[in-house]
Amino acid sequence: MPDTKSNKIEAVILAGEIEDEFQSKTPHLLHTLAGQPIINYTMNAVRDAVGDLPSLVIDKKVEKISQQISGPIKHVIHAEPQNDVQTLRKIEKLITDDQETILLVRADLPLLTSASIKRLITAHSAITDSSPPISLLTSSQAGITGDRSVVREEKGAVIDVADSDQLSSELPATNEFDVGVYCLNAEWLRQILPSLPISPVSEFRLIDLIPIAAADNLPVQGLLLTDPEEALRIETRVSLAEAESVIRQRIIREHMLKGVTIIDPNATYIDAQVEIGPDTVIHPNTYLYGSTKIGSQCTIGPNGMVRDTSIGDRCEIKFSVAEDAVLEDDVDIGPFAHLRKGAHLAQGVHMGNYGEVKNSYLGPGTKMGHFSYIGDAMIGPGVNIGAGVITANYDGQNKHATEIGAGAFIGSDSMLVAPLKIGAGARTGAGSVVTKDVPPNSLAVGIPARVIRKVEEKDGS
């Protein structure tokens, strides 16, 4: 296949006048599929197909669409409502003398692949005896693309694209439908633009270029999609859910082909940006969101939710939630554990069931028992945190920090009232309420806790 970038293509995403039936304050192109706005999928497919940055046509009322697209765009063109001629004239001004083709793609086609766009560009460029003014993608399923039928002449050339109410004996119904992806010959467009009506009353549409070309006996070719699923337009929340299912299965399939075991693809939800290493196993009812990165040989789930979290190799997360957290290698948490924003578990940390960590660092090899809460804490390596330990980090107005030194032993049901420092090798007795710093290698017990002696080796320190 030829290098499409060398074909001198100007790519344009059409988001200026797409109907919105979402009943939402958010522009429907910014609703998400697998964690990414709808328009990002179309934008990425076009970028990959042409090897260059596309321009974007939007309505001035939805300027924030251009502000929330991932990756750069070349130009932003503000469309005039119901006036495709004005839009075409703005696009034509961007075309340099050496550009031969204009690629126009509807923005609400997130299932469209770069491979299909490349097929259209290649087919459009392949006709050498007479340069086609227009080439378009078509689909075999009406319910996916709307009801605009592609009408062909006996020899197969496209002569019109007609709405259902326009069909007649002269324009008979067909089983082929317009997708909303077009290649235009730039020179031909320059020639006919002056003759096109510019009044909004005329409601001239892009597809009205097709009968103009056909009337001049110029070839218009239609290229049928090999997978009609790609032509799904996101016009309602119903089609949004349909596209979500397709995108999710594509993502899961890609991970499995890269060496990830997914026990039940129909019960696994993975966002587009998630990265997973080989030999990791994802169990059912697991949700992986945002910019999550998971290393190799991990076990995630079942019944887990991980969002924007970095997970090292050989980690295990069972029936648990991790959000904006970091897990280094060989960490295991759960069942029913919760890592909140800022949690950082170093290599080899164990976190038991019903534990919670927020904005805290747990050093290498630290063990945290069940029913414990650690917040705003810095914990050294090799610390043992007994069951039911609580860091009382909030005094009603401010958050305070807790520091626990290496090798300390925090007895079950200890309450650590911050701000507080517990030295390396120190111990607290079960049920203690610690309100004052505990020196290294000391034992503190009671309510409130008092240091009663130094810790000897026989105490296990």
Protein backbone atom coordinates (compact mmCIF):
# COMPACT_ATOMS: atom_id res chain seq x y z
CA MET A 1 0.00 0.00 0.00
CA PRO A 2 1.45 3.41 -0.88
CA ASP A 3 2.50 5.93 1.74
CA THR A 4 -0.65 8.01 2.12
CA LYS A 5 1.26 11.03 3.38
CA SER A 6 3.04 11.26 0.03
CA ASN A 7 -0.33 11.55 -1.71
CA LYS A 8 -0.64 15.14 -0.46
CA ILE A 9 -3.85 14.80 1.50
CA GLU A 10 -5.59 17.41 3.61
CA ALA A 11 -7.65 15.55 6.24
CA VAL A 12 -10.65 17.24 7.87
CA ILE A 13 -12.87 15.95 10.70
CA LEU A 14 -16.46 17.18 10.38
CA ALA A 15 -17.94 17.96 13.79
CA GLY A 16 -19.75 21.17 12.95
CA GLU A 17 -23.34 20.11 12.49
CA ILE A 18 -23.81 16.65 13.93
CA GLU A 19 -27.24 16.10 15.47
CA ASP A 20 -27.28 15.77 19.24
CA GLU A 21 -30.00 13.54 20.69
CA PHE A 22 -28.20 12.83 23.96
CA GLN A 23 -30.27 15.26 26.05
CA SER A 24 -27.03 16.25 27.78
CA LYS A 25 -25.21 19.44 28.76
CA THR A 26 -22.03 17.78 27.50
CA PRO A 27 -21.53 17.85 23.70
CA HIS A 28 -22.22 14.31 22.60
CA LEU A 29 -18.83 13.97 20.86
CA LEU A 30 -17.24 14.38 24.30
CA HIS A 31 -19.17 11.48 25.81
CA THR A 32 -16.76 8.63 26.39
CA LEU A 33 -16.16 5.15 25.02
CA ALA A 34 -13.77 3.06 27.12
CA GLY A 35 -12.55 6.19 28.83
CA GLN A 36 -11.94 8.28 25.69
CA PRO A 37 -14.18 10.93 24.06
CA ILE A 38 -15.99 9.70 20.95
CA ILE A 39 -14.20 12.17 18.71
CA ASN A 40 -10.75 10.96 19.80
CA TYR A 41 -11.30 7.59 18.12
CA THR A 42 -12.16 9.22 14.80
CA MET A 43 -9.29 11.67 15.15
CA ASN A 44 -6.75 8.92 15.90
CA ALA A 45 -7.93 6.76 12.99
CA VAL A 46 -7.52 9.69 10.57
CA ARG A 47 -4.09 10.60 11.95
CA ASP A 48 -2.91 7.01 11.53
CA ALA A 49 -4.35 6.75 8.02
CA VAL A 50 -2.86 9.91 6.53
CA GLY A 51 0.31 10.21 8.60
CA ASP A 52 -0.39 13.88 9.28
CA LEU A 53 -2.43 16.15 11.52
CA PRO A 54 -6.08 16.67 10.56
CA SER A 55 -8.08 19.88 10.77
CA LEU A 56 -11.35 20.09 12.68
CA VAL A 57 -14.66 21.67 11.69
CA ILE A 58 -16.80 22.59 14.70
CA ASP A 59 -19.71 24.82 15.60
CA LYS A 60 -18.72 27.92 17.58
CA LYS A 61 -21.21 26.87 20.28
CA VAL A 62 -19.17 23.77 21.09
CA GLU A 63 -15.66 25.25 21.08
CA LYS A 64 -14.68 23.04 24.03
CA ILE A 65 -14.66 20.02 21.70
CA SER A 66 -11.40 21.25 20.19
CA GLN A 67 -10.01 21.93 23.66
CA GLN A 68 -10.52 18.36 24.90
CA ILE A 69 -9.18 16.38 21.96
CA SER A 70 -6.14 14.25 22.74
CA GLY A 71 -3.19 15.07 20.53
CA PRO A 72 -2.56 18.03 18.21
CA ILE A 73 -4.72 19.22 15.32
CA LYS A 74 -3.72 21.41 12.38
CA HIS A 75 -6.55 23.95 12.14
CA VAL A 76 -9.91 24.64 13.78
CA ILE A 77 -12.59 25.74 11.32
CA HIS A 78 -15.84 27.24 12.62
CA ALA A 79 -18.81 26.00 10.64
CA GLU A 80 -21.88 27.98 9.66
CA PRO A 81 -25.13 26.14 10.54
CA GLN A 82 -26.77 24.48 7.54
CA ASN A 83 -24.20 25.84 5.11
CA ASP A 84 -21.78 23.21 3.84
CA VAL A 85 -20.70 25.50 0.99
CA GLN A 86 -19.27 28.06 3.40
CA THR A 87 -17.51 25.23 5.21
CA LEU A 88 -16.07 23.90 1.96
CA ARG A 89 -14.81 27.36 1.07
CA LYS A 90 -13.04 27.63 4.42
CA ILE A 91 -11.52 24.20 3.91
CA GLU A 92 -10.46 25.09 0.34
CA LYS A 93 -8.49 28.08 1.64
CA LEU A 94 -6.33 25.67 3.66
CA ILE A 95 -5.41 23.60 0.62
CA THR A 96 -2.00 24.31 -0.83
CA ASP A 97 -1.30 24.08 -4.56
CA ASP A 98 0.52 20.75 -4.20
CA GLN A 99 -2.28 19.01 -2.28
CA GLU A 100 -4.35 16.70 -4.46
CA THR A 101 -6.96 15.16 -2.15
CA ILE A 102 -9.28 16.36 0.60
CA LEU A 103 -10.36 13.68 3.06
CA LEU A 104 -13.60 14.50 4.89
CA VAL A 105 -14.69 12.28 7.81
CA ARG A 106 -17.69 12.61 10.11
CA ALA A 107 -16.58 12.97 13.72
CA ASP A 108 -19.16 10.55 15.15
CA LEU A 109 -17.65 7.37 13.64
CA PRO A 110 -15.51 5.98 16.49
CA LEU A 111 -15.51 2.41 15.14
CA LEU A 112 -14.02 3.48 11.80
CA THR A 113 -10.50 2.06 11.42
CA SER A 114 -7.44 3.61 9.84
CA ALA A 115 -7.24 0.56 7.57
CA SER A 116 -10.62 1.38 5.99
CA ILE A 117 -9.64 5.02 5.51
CA LYS A 118 -6.40 3.92 3.83
CA ARG A 119 -8.38 1.62 1.50
CA LEU A 120 -10.51 4.55 0.40
CA ILE A 121 -7.49 6.82 -0.16
CA THR A 122 -5.74 4.10 -2.14
CA ALA A 123 -8.82 3.42 -4.28
CA HIS A 124 -9.30 7.12 -4.89
CA SER A 125 -5.68 7.50 -6.03
CA ALA A 126 -5.60 4.32 -8.10
CA ILE A 127 -7.73 5.56 -11.00
CA THR A 128 -5.20 7.07 -13.39
CA ASP A 129 -7.12 7.42 -16.64
CA SER A 130 -9.60 9.91 -15.19
CA SER A 131 -9.17 11.41 -11.76
CA PRO A 132 -12.36 10.80 -9.73
CA PRO A 133 -13.86 13.96 -8.23
CA ILE A 134 -15.32 12.01 -5.31
CA SER A 135 -14.83 8.62 -3.65
CA LEU A 136 -16.88 7.57 -0.65
CA LEU A 137 -17.18 4.75 1.84
CA THR A 138 -20.43 2.81 1.86
CA SER A 139 -22.02 0.23 4.12
CA SER A 140 -24.40 -2.69 3.65
CA GLN A 141 -26.40 -2.01 6.83
CA ALA A 142 -28.94 0.81 6.95
CA GLY A 143 -29.57 0.85 10.67
CA ILE A 144 -25.94 1.69 11.34
CA THR A 145 -25.41 4.59 8.95
CA GLY A 146 -28.85 6.13 8.73
CA ASP A 147 -31.15 5.96 5.73
CA ARG A 148 -29.15 7.69 2.99
CA SER A 149 -29.10 5.21 0.13
CA VAL A 150 -26.27 5.08 -2.37
CA VAL A 151 -27.63 5.01 -5.92
CA ARG A 152 -25.50 3.51 -8.69
CA GLU A 153 -25.85 3.41 -12.46
CA GLU A 154 -25.76 0.15 -14.42
CA LYS A 155 -21.97 0.20 -14.76
CA GLY A 156 -21.55 0.66 -11.02
CA ALA A 157 -20.62 4.34 -10.72
CA VAL A 158 -22.35 6.24 -7.92
CA ILE A 159 -24.75 8.86 -9.23
CA ASP A 160 -26.49 10.01 -6.05
CA VAL A 161 -26.96 9.62 -2.30
CA ALA A 162 -30.64 10.02 -1.48
CA ASP A 163 -32.66 10.25 1.71
CA SER A 164 -35.49 7.75 2.09
CA ASP A 165 -38.11 10.37 1.21
CA GLN A 166 -36.28 11.16 -2.05
CA LEU A 167 -36.27 7.61 -3.40
CA SER A 168 -38.39 6.91 -6.45
CA SER A 169 -38.43 4.86 -9.63
CA GLU A 170 -35.61 7.05 -10.93
CA LEU A 171 -33.71 6.74 -7.64
CA PRO A 172 -34.61 3.23 -6.44
CA ALA A 173 -33.88 2.00 -2.93
CA THR A 174 -30.66 0.05 -2.55
CA ASN A 175 -28.92 -2.09 0.04
CA GLU A 176 -25.95 0.27 0.19
CA PHE A 177 -25.72 3.32 2.38
CA ASP A 178 -23.56 6.41 2.83
CA VAL A 179 -21.08 6.26 5.74
CA GLY A 180 -19.91 9.88 5.87
CA VAL A 181 -16.31 9.49 4.68
CA TYR A 182 -15.28 11.16 1.40
CA CYS A 183 -12.21 11.80 -0.70
CA LEU A 184 -12.53 14.90 -2.91
CA ASN A 185 -10.30 15.92 -5.78
CA ALA A 186 -8.92 19.30 -4.64
CA GLU A 187 -8.65 20.80 -8.13
CA TRP A 188 -12.20 19.77 -9.05
CA LEU A 189 -13.52 21.32 -5.83
CA ARG A 190 -11.78 24.60 -6.63
CA GLN A 191 -13.44 24.65 -10.04
CA ILE A 192 -17.01 24.09 -8.88
CA LEU A 193 -17.02 26.07 -5.61
CA PRO A 194 -17.84 29.43 -7.24
CA SER A 195 -21.01 27.97 -8.75
CA LEU A 196 -22.38 26.47 -5.52
CA PRO A 197 -25.17 28.30 -3.64
CA ILE A 198 -24.03 30.06 -0.46
CA SER A 199 -27.41 31.01 1.00
CA PRO A 200 -28.28 29.04 4.16
CA VAL A 201 -31.80 28.69 2.79
CA SER A 202 -30.49 26.36 0.09
CA GLU A 203 -29.28 23.82 2.71
CA PHE A 204 -26.68 22.52 0.29
CA ARG A 205 -25.09 19.34 1.67
CA LEU A 206 -21.80 17.60 0.95
CA ILE A 207 -23.62 14.68 -0.66
CA ASP A 208 -25.13 17.10 -3.18
CA LEU A 209 -21.69 17.20 -4.81
CA ILE A 210 -22.25 13.65 -6.06
CA PRO A 211 -25.07 14.32 -8.57
CA ILE A 212 -23.14 17.41 -9.75
CA ALA A 213 -20.18 15.19 -10.65
CA ALA A 214 -22.44 12.51 -12.14
CA ALA A 215 -24.20 15.09 -14.31
CA ASP A 216 -20.81 15.98 -15.82
CA ASN A 217 -20.13 12.28 -16.49
CA LEU A 218 -17.32 12.26 -13.95
CA PRO A 219 -16.72 8.96 -12.12
CA VAL A 220 -17.84 8.79 -8.48
CA GLN A 221 -16.78 5.58 -6.82
CA GLY A 222 -18.21 3.96 -3.73
CA LEU A 223 -16.06 1.57 -1.68
CA LEU A 224 -18.00 -0.91 0.45
CA LEU A 225 -16.75 -1.41 4.01
CA THR A 226 -15.64 -4.97 4.69
CA ASP A 227 -16.97 -4.62 8.25
CA PRO A 228 -20.27 -2.69 8.32
CA GLU A 229 -19.87 -2.32 12.10
CA GLU A 230 -17.38 0.48 11.40
CA ALA A 231 -20.16 2.67 10.04
CA LEU A 232 -21.99 2.98 13.38
CA ARG A 233 -22.79 6.65 14.01
CA ILE A 234 -23.09 7.75 17.62
CA GLU A 235 -26.31 9.75 17.56
CA THR A 236 -28.03 8.56 20.76
CA ARG A 237 -27.07 6.87 24.01
CA VAL A 238 -28.33 3.63 22.48
CA SER A 239 -25.70 3.72 19.74
CA LEU A 240 -23.17 4.87 22.36
CA ALA A 241 -23.75 1.65 24.30
CA GLU A 242 -23.50 -0.41 21.11
CA ALA A 243 -20.17 1.20 20.24
CA GLU A 244 -18.89 0.72 23.81
CA SER A 245 -19.42 -3.00 23.48
CA VAL A 246 -17.50 -3.16 20.20
CA ILE A 247 -14.64 -0.98 21.44
CA ARG A 248 -14.35 -3.00 24.63
CA GLN A 249 -14.10 -6.28 22.73
CA ARG A 250 -11.45 -4.82 20.42
CA ILE A 251 -9.39 -3.69 23.41
CA ILE A 252 -9.70 -7.04 25.18
CA ARG A 253 -8.78 -8.95 22.04
CA GLU A 254 -5.66 -6.83 21.57
CA HIS A 255 -4.53 -7.50 25.14
CA MET A 256 -5.11 -11.23 24.78
CA LEU A 257 -3.08 -11.32 21.56
CA LYS A 258 -0.25 -9.65 23.49
CA GLY A 259 -0.16 -12.39 26.11
CA VAL A 260 -2.71 -11.32 28.73
CA THR A 261 -5.12 -13.96 30.05
CA ILE A 262 -8.67 -12.63 30.40
CA ILE A 263 -10.85 -15.29 31.96
CA ASP A 264 -14.21 -13.89 30.84
CA PRO A 265 -14.02 -11.14 28.16
CA ASN A 266 -17.74 -10.46 28.52
CA ALA A 267 -17.32 -9.59 32.20
CA THR A 268 -14.15 -7.51 31.94
CA TYR A 269 -13.99 -3.76 31.34
CA ILE A 270 -10.73 -2.18 30.16
CA ASP A 271 -10.27 1.45 29.09
CA ALA A 272 -8.40 2.31 25.91
CA GLN A 273 -5.31 3.75 27.64
CA VAL A 274 -4.70 0.82 29.99
CA GLU A 275 -1.41 -1.07 29.59
CA ILE A 276 -1.01 -4.69 30.74
CA GLY A 277 2.11 -6.84 30.71
CA PRO A 278 2.29 -10.45 29.45
CA ASP A 279 1.29 -13.42 31.61
CA THR A 280 -0.98 -11.27 33.74
CA VAL A 281 -4.37 -12.81 34.52
CA ILE A 282 -7.52 -10.69 34.66
CA HIS A 283 -10.43 -12.34 36.45
CA PRO A 284 -14.13 -11.58 35.85
CA ASN A 285 -15.89 -8.42 37.00
CA THR A 286 -12.68 -6.42 36.89
CA TYR A 287 -12.71 -2.76 35.83
CA LEU A 288 -9.47 -1.15 34.64
CA TYR A 289 -9.84 2.57 34.04
CA GLY A 290 -7.87 5.59 32.88
CA SER A 291 -4.09 5.52 32.59
CA THR A 292 -3.63 2.33 34.60
CA LYS A 293 -0.42 0.38 33.93
CA ILE A 294 -0.05 -3.24 35.05
CA GLY A 295 3.17 -5.23 34.87
CA SER A 296 3.68 -8.87 33.99
CA GLN A 297 2.66 -12.00 35.92
CA CYS A 298 0.06 -10.17 37.99
CA THR A 299 -3.34 -11.43 39.12
CA ILE A 300 -6.11 -8.81 39.09
CA GLY A 301 -9.57 -9.58 40.41
CA PRO A 302 -12.08 -10.97 40.51
CA ASN A 303 -14.39 -8.11 41.42
CA GLY A 304 -11.78 -5.36 41.37
CA MET A 305 -11.61 -1.76 40.24
CA VAL A 306 -8.31 -0.07 39.34
CA ARG A 307 -8.12 3.55 38.16
CA ASP A 308 -5.06 5.59 37.11
CA THR A 309 -2.78 3.26 39.06
CA SER A 310 0.72 1.92 38.37
CA ILE A 311 1.19 -1.75 39.27
CA GLY A 312 4.52 -3.55 39.10
CA ASP A 313 5.29 -7.17 38.29
CA ARG A 314 3.93 -10.21 40.17
CA CYS A 315 1.31 -8.25 42.09
CA GLU A 316 -2.03 -9.57 43.27
CA ILE A 317 -5.20 -7.54 43.79
CA LYS A 318 -8.20 -9.53 45.06
CA PHE A 319 -11.72 -8.06 45.41
CA SER A 320 -10.20 -4.61 45.93
CA VAL A 321 -10.13 -0.99 44.72
CA ALA A 322 -7.06 1.04 43.79
CA GLU A 323 -7.26 4.69 42.69
CA ASP A 324 -4.34 6.99 41.79
CA ALA A 325 -1.97 4.63 43.57
CA VAL A 326 1.43 3.02 43.02
CA LEU A 327 2.22 -0.64 43.70
CA GLU A 328 5.79 -1.76 43.20
CA ASP A 329 6.75 -5.37 42.43
CA ASP A 330 5.48 -8.34 44.47
CA VAL A 331 2.73 -6.45 46.31
CA ASP A 332 -0.50 -8.17 47.30
CA ILE A 333 -3.64 -6.55 48.66
CA GLY A 334 -7.07 -7.72 49.66
CA PRO A 335 -9.58 -9.04 49.68
CA PHE A 336 -11.67 -5.90 50.09
CA ALA A 337 -8.77 -3.48 50.40
CA HIS A 338 -8.90 0.15 49.27
CA LEU A 339 -5.97 2.18 47.99
CA ARG A 340 -6.88 5.85 47.69
CA LYS A 341 -5.09 8.73 46.00
CA GLY A 342 -1.42 8.96 46.89
CA ALA A 343 -1.05 5.45 48.25
CA HIS A 344 2.40 4.02 47.45
CA LEU A 345 3.16 0.43 48.38
CA ALA A 346 6.83 -0.45 47.97
CA GLN A 347 8.18 -3.86 46.91
CA GLY A 348 6.85 -6.85 48.81
CA VAL A 349 4.19 -5.01 50.82
CA HIS A 350 1.28 -7.10 52.07
CA MET A 351 -2.04 -5.40 52.81
CA GLY A 352 -4.78 -7.48 54.38
CA ASN A 353 -8.53 -7.51 53.96
CA TYR A 354 -10.63 -4.42 54.69
CA GLY A 355 -7.54 -2.22 54.92
CA GLU A 356 -7.35 1.32 53.55
CA VAL A 357 -4.37 3.48 52.63
CA LYS A 358 -4.52 7.15 51.62
CA ASN A 359 -1.65 9.49 50.68
CA SER A 360 0.89 7.26 52.41
CA TYR A 361 4.10 5.36 51.68
CA LEU A 362 4.55 1.82 52.98
CA GLY A 363 8.20 0.75 52.81
CA PRO A 364 9.54 -2.49 51.34
CA GLY A 365 8.38 -5.64 53.08
CA THR A 366 5.92 -3.89 55.38
CA LYS A 367 2.91 -5.94 56.45
CA MET A 368 -0.40 -4.26 57.12
CA GLY A 369 -3.06 -6.28 58.89
CA HIS A 370 -6.76 -6.32 58.23
CA PHE A 371 -9.27 -3.64 59.29
CA SER A 372 -6.53 -0.98 59.41
CA TYR A 373 -6.46 2.60 58.11
CA ILE A 374 -3.24 4.40 57.20
CA GLY A 375 -3.53 8.04 56.09
CA ASP A 376 -0.90 10.75 55.52
CA ALA A 377 1.84 8.46 56.79
CA MET A 378 5.44 7.64 55.95
CA ILE A 379 6.21 4.08 56.98
CA GLY A 380 9.65 2.55 56.78
CA PRO A 381 10.69 -0.92 55.61
CA GLY A 382 9.85 -4.11 57.47
CA VAL A 383 7.13 -2.59 59.65
CA ASN A 384 4.35 -4.76 61.06
CA ILE A 385 0.98 -3.00 61.33
CA GLY A 386 -1.45 -5.09 63.36
CA ALA A 387 -5.14 -5.56 62.74
CA GLY A 388 -7.36 -2.59 63.47
CA VAL A 389 -4.58 0.02 63.57
CA ILE A 390 -5.78 3.56 62.85
CA THR A 391 -3.84 6.73 62.07
CA ALA A 392 -5.97 9.57 63.41
CA ASN A 393 -4.67 12.07 60.88
CA TYR A 394 -7.44 14.70 60.90
CA ASP A 395 -8.17 17.03 63.83
CA GLY A 396 -11.29 18.59 62.32
CA GLN A 397 -9.39 21.35 60.53
CA ASN A 398 -6.05 20.03 59.29
CA LYS A 399 -4.41 16.79 58.21
CA HIS A 400 -1.31 15.69 60.13
CA ALA A 401 1.45 13.23 59.29
CA THR A 402 2.54 10.02 60.98
CA GLU A 403 6.07 8.62 60.66
CA ILE A 404 6.96 5.04 61.56
CA GLY A 405 10.57 3.92 61.43
CA ALA A 406 12.04 0.72 60.00
CA GLY A 407 11.20 -2.53 61.74
CA ALA A 408 8.62 -1.05 64.10
CA PHE A 409 5.79 -3.23 65.42
CA ILE A 410 2.38 -1.57 65.81
CA GLY A 411 0.14 -3.72 67.97
CA SER A 412 -3.43 -4.56 67.03
CA ASP A 413 -6.04 -1.87 67.64
CA SER A 414 -3.43 0.82 68.26
CA MET A 415 -4.63 4.36 67.57
CA LEU A 416 -1.88 6.67 66.36
CA VAL A 417 -2.90 10.30 66.89
CA ALA A 418 -0.99 12.52 64.46
CA PRO A 419 1.27 14.43 64.29
CA LEU A 420 3.36 11.54 65.53
CA LYS A 421 6.75 9.87 65.11
CA ILE A 422 7.43 6.28 66.06
CA GLY A 423 11.09 5.40 65.92
CA ALA A 424 12.78 2.47 64.23
CA GLY A 425 12.36 -0.80 66.09
CA ALA A 426 9.73 0.66 68.44
CA ARG A 427 6.62 -1.22 69.56
CA THR A 428 3.13 -0.30 70.69
CA GLY A 429 0.99 -2.57 72.84
CA ALA A 430 -2.38 -3.82 71.62
CA GLY A 431 -5.14 -1.27 72.11
CA SER A 432 -2.78 1.63 72.86
CA VAL A 433 -3.71 5.23 72.09
CA VAL A 434 -0.43 6.84 71.10
CA THR A 435 -0.47 10.64 71.34
CA LYS A 436 3.26 11.35 71.83
CA ASP A 437 6.36 10.35 69.88
CA VAL A 438 7.86 6.97 70.69
CA PRO A 439 11.67 6.80 70.64
CA PRO A 440 13.47 4.10 68.64
CA ASN A 441 13.55 0.62 70.19
CA SER A 442 11.02 1.55 72.87
CA LEU A 443 7.76 -0.05 74.00
CA ALA A 444 4.71 2.19 74.51
CA VAL A 445 1.47 0.88 76.04
CA GLY A 446 -1.75 2.19 77.54
CA ILE A 447 -4.40 4.88 77.10
CA PRO A 448 -2.76 7.29 76.58
CA ALA A 449 0.34 5.28 75.75
CA ARG A 450 3.51 5.72 77.78
CA VAL A 451 6.98 4.40 77.12
CA ILE A 452 7.66 1.74 79.75
CA ARG A 453 10.97 0.28 78.66
CA LYS A 454 13.44 -0.35 75.91
CA VAL A 455 12.77 -3.21 73.50
CA GLU A 456 15.15 -6.14 73.89
CA GLU A 457 16.10 -8.59 71.15
CA LYS A 458 13.97 -11.26 72.78
CA ASP A 459 10.93 -9.07 72.11
CA GLY A 460 11.44 -9.80 68.43
CA SER A 461 12.72 -6.43 67.34
